[in-house]
């Protein structure tokens, strides 16, 4: 039992590190939508979103992507809670959850 917990913990840590790198890559490669690229608080707000989801709902965030739909800004988040994967949409910059869907089983 302790071994499987350790394996899951390592997996979560690796996925969390990958998501931090993913957000940095989006910004450094200019893949942010223009509405986000001028926002000096973007990286701070992404960190706040990650912390909020981990603290409030015990999500392990794996990816955060900026998007614009119908002129509104959002952060689209992929995360795990236990063994279940979720897609979460946060209004930006207030970071309120506007959509939360469990993926698959």
C-alpha atoms as a PDB file:
ATOM      1  CA  UNK A   1       0.000   0.000   0.000  1.00  0.00           C
ATOM      2  CA  UNK A   2       2.779   2.431   0.888  1.00  0.00           C
ATOM      3  CA  UNK A   3       4.532   1.639  -2.408  1.00  0.00           C
ATOM      4  CA  UNK A   4       1.437   2.453  -4.497  1.00  0.00           C
ATOM      5  CA  UNK A   5       0.966   5.720  -2.587  1.00  0.00           C
ATOM      6  CA  UNK A   6       4.594   6.638  -3.249  1.00  0.00           C
ATOM      7  CA  UNK A   7       4.180   5.848  -6.952  1.00  0.00           C
ATOM      8  CA  UNK A   8       1.036   8.007  -7.152  1.00  0.00           C
ATOM      9  CA  UNK A   9       2.789  10.831  -5.303  1.00  0.00           C
ATOM     10  CA  UNK A  10       5.711  10.755  -7.735  1.00  0.00           C
ATOM     11  CA  UNK A  11       3.275  10.724 -10.683  1.00  0.00           C
ATOM     12  CA  UNK A  12       1.433  13.765  -9.317  1.00  0.00           C
ATOM     13  CA  UNK A  13       4.708  15.602  -8.755  1.00  0.00           C
ATOM     14  CA  UNK A  14       5.879  14.851 -12.310  1.00  0.00           C
ATOM     15  CA  UNK A  15       2.538  15.942 -13.802  1.00  0.00           C
ATOM     16  CA  UNK A  16       2.602  19.157 -11.756  1.00  0.00           C
ATOM     17  CA  UNK A  17       6.114  19.940 -12.962  1.00  0.00           C
ATOM     18  CA  UNK A  18       5.068  19.253 -16.555  1.00  0.00           C
ATOM     19  CA  UNK A  19       2.200  21.733 -16.270  1.00  0.00           C
ATOM     20  CA  UNK A  20       4.487  24.481 -14.951  1.00  0.00           C
ATOM     21  CA  UNK A  21       6.779  23.889 -17.912  1.00  0.00           C
ATOM     22  CA  UNK A  22       3.757  23.834 -20.251  1.00  0.00           C
ATOM     23  CA  UNK A  23       2.543  27.254 -19.085  1.00  0.00           C
ATOM     24  CA  UNK A  24       6.038  28.697 -19.426  1.00  0.00           C
ATOM     25  CA  UNK A  25       6.411  27.256 -22.936  1.00  0.00           C
ATOM     26  CA  UNK A  26       3.094  28.766 -24.074  1.00  0.00           C
ATOM     27  CA  UNK A  27       4.222  32.196 -22.920  1.00  0.00           C
ATOM     28  CA  UNK A  28       7.770  31.934 -24.261  1.00  0.00           C
ATOM     29  CA  UNK A  29       6.683  30.697 -27.688  1.00  0.00           C
ATOM     30  CA  UNK A  30       4.112  33.445 -28.103  1.00  0.00           C
ATOM     31  CA  UNK A  31       1.188  31.021 -28.055  1.00  0.00           C
ATOM     32  CA  UNK A  32      -0.837  33.118 -25.653  1.00  0.00           C
ATOM     33  CA  UNK A  33      -3.867  34.740 -27.248  1.00  0.00           C
ATOM     34  CA  UNK A  34      -3.229  38.456 -27.857  1.00  0.00           C
ATOM     35  CA  UNK A  35      -5.714  39.357 -25.113  1.00  0.00           C
ATOM     36  CA  UNK A  36      -3.394  37.680 -22.569  1.00  0.00           C
ATOM     37  CA  UNK A  37       0.040  38.591 -23.914  1.00  0.00           C
ATOM     38  CA  UNK A  38      -0.106  42.165 -22.585  1.00  0.00           C
ATOM     39  CA  UNK A  39      -1.393  41.070 -19.151  1.00  0.00           C
ATOM     40  CA  UNK A  40       1.493  41.552 -16.722  1.00  0.00           C
ATOM     41  CA  UNK A  41      -0.393  39.560 -14.068  1.00  0.00           C
ATOM     42  CA  UNK A  42      -0.971  36.491 -16.259  1.00  0.00           C
ATOM     43  CA  UNK A  43       1.655  34.244 -14.645  1.00  0.00           C
ATOM     44  CA  UNK A  44       0.627  35.368 -11.149  1.00  0.00           C
ATOM     45  CA  UNK A  45      -3.025  34.587 -11.928  1.00  0.00           C
ATOM     46  CA  UNK A  46      -2.116  31.162 -13.334  1.00  0.00           C
ATOM     47  CA  UNK A  47      -0.231  30.378 -10.112  1.00  0.00           C
ATOM     48  CA  UNK A  48      -3.231  31.591  -8.072  1.00  0.00           C
ATOM     49  CA  UNK A  49      -5.578  29.382 -10.107  1.00  0.00           C
ATOM     50  CA  UNK A  50      -3.369  26.341  -9.521  1.00  0.00           C
ATOM     51  CA  UNK A  51      -3.123  27.037  -5.778  1.00  0.00           C
ATOM     52  CA  UNK A  52      -6.869  27.688  -5.463  1.00  0.00           C
ATOM     53  CA  UNK A  53      -7.834  24.427  -7.187  1.00  0.00           C
ATOM     54  CA  UNK A  54      -5.352  22.417  -5.154  1.00  0.00           C
ATOM     55  CA  UNK A  55      -6.390  23.967  -1.830  1.00  0.00           C
ATOM     56  CA  UNK A  56     -10.161  24.142  -2.342  1.00  0.00           C
ATOM     57  CA  UNK A  57     -10.897  20.930  -4.207  1.00  0.00           C
ATOM     58  CA  UNK A  58      -7.701  18.887  -3.843  1.00  0.00           C
ATOM     59  CA  UNK A  59      -7.125  18.908  -7.613  1.00  0.00           C
ATOM     60  CA  UNK A  60      -3.712  18.032  -9.009  1.00  0.00           C
ATOM     61  CA  UNK A  61      -3.411  20.434 -11.936  1.00  0.00           C
ATOM     62  CA  UNK A  62      -1.631  19.066 -15.003  1.00  0.00           C
ATOM     63  CA  UNK A  63      -2.174  21.804 -17.600  1.00  0.00           C
ATOM     64  CA  UNK A  64      -3.441  25.370 -17.814  1.00  0.00           C
ATOM     65  CA  UNK A  65      -4.161  27.026 -21.147  1.00  0.00           C
ATOM     66  CA  UNK A  66      -5.376  30.558 -21.872  1.00  0.00           C
ATOM     67  CA  UNK A  67      -8.336  30.885 -24.232  1.00  0.00           C
ATOM     68  CA  UNK A  68     -10.730  33.498 -25.545  1.00  0.00           C
ATOM     69  CA  UNK A  69     -14.321  32.606 -26.429  1.00  0.00           C
ATOM     70  CA  UNK A  70     -16.856  35.143 -27.624  1.00  0.00           C
ATOM     71  CA  UNK A  71     -14.559  37.933 -26.449  1.00  0.00           C
ATOM     72  CA  UNK A  72     -14.284  36.585 -22.886  1.00  0.00           C
ATOM     73  CA  UNK A  73     -11.019  35.374 -21.378  1.00  0.00           C
ATOM     74  CA  UNK A  74     -10.752  31.975 -19.676  1.00  0.00           C
ATOM     75  CA  UNK A  75      -8.202  29.587 -18.263  1.00  0.00           C
ATOM     76  CA  UNK A  76      -8.843  26.012 -19.349  1.00  0.00           C
ATOM     77  CA  UNK A  77      -7.487  23.579 -16.787  1.00  0.00           C
ATOM     78  CA  UNK A  78      -6.851  19.836 -16.901  1.00  0.00           C
ATOM     79  CA  UNK A  79      -6.553  18.258 -13.464  1.00  0.00           C
ATOM     80  CA  UNK A  80      -6.888  15.046 -11.516  1.00  0.00           C
ATOM     81  CA  UNK A  81      -8.776  14.386  -8.323  1.00  0.00           C
ATOM     82  CA  UNK A  82      -7.892  10.907  -7.145  1.00  0.00           C
ATOM     83  CA  UNK A  83      -7.904   8.703 -10.229  1.00  0.00           C
ATOM     84  CA  UNK A  84     -10.446  10.863 -12.121  1.00  0.00           C
ATOM     85  CA  UNK A  85      -9.511  13.462 -14.731  1.00  0.00           C
ATOM     86  CA  UNK A  86     -11.377  16.770 -14.968  1.00  0.00           C
ATOM     87  CA  UNK A  87     -11.636  19.692 -17.371  1.00  0.00           C
ATOM     88  CA  UNK A  88     -12.238  22.968 -15.586  1.00  0.00           C
ATOM     89  CA  UNK A  89     -12.896  26.390 -17.097  1.00  0.00           C
ATOM     90  CA  UNK A  90     -12.101  29.469 -15.009  1.00  0.00           C
ATOM     91  CA  UNK A  91     -13.287  32.980 -15.804  1.00  0.00           C
ATOM     92  CA  UNK A  92     -10.275  35.259 -16.149  1.00  0.00           C
ATOM     93  CA  UNK A  93      -9.009  37.219 -14.243  1.00  0.00           C
ATOM     94  CA  UNK A  94     -11.415  36.605 -11.322  1.00  0.00           C
ATOM     95  CA  UNK A  95     -10.749  32.810 -11.458  1.00  0.00           C
ATOM     96  CA  UNK A  96     -14.331  31.742 -10.750  1.00  0.00           C
ATOM     97  CA  UNK A  97     -15.170  28.217 -11.892  1.00  0.00           C
ATOM     98  CA  UNK A  98     -17.652  28.441 -14.766  1.00  0.00           C
ATOM     99  CA  UNK A  99     -17.449  24.806 -15.901  1.00  0.00           C
ATOM    100  CA  UNK A 100     -16.243  21.591 -14.278  1.00  0.00           C
ATOM    101  CA  UNK A 101     -16.499  18.260 -16.130  1.00  0.00           C
ATOM    102  CA  UNK A 102     -15.292  14.805 -15.207  1.00  0.00           C
ATOM    103  CA  UNK A 103     -13.657  13.108 -18.192  1.00  0.00           C
ATOM    104  CA  UNK A 104     -14.260   9.436 -18.915  1.00  0.00           C
ATOM    105  CA  UNK A 105     -15.186   6.999 -16.177  1.00  0.00           C
END
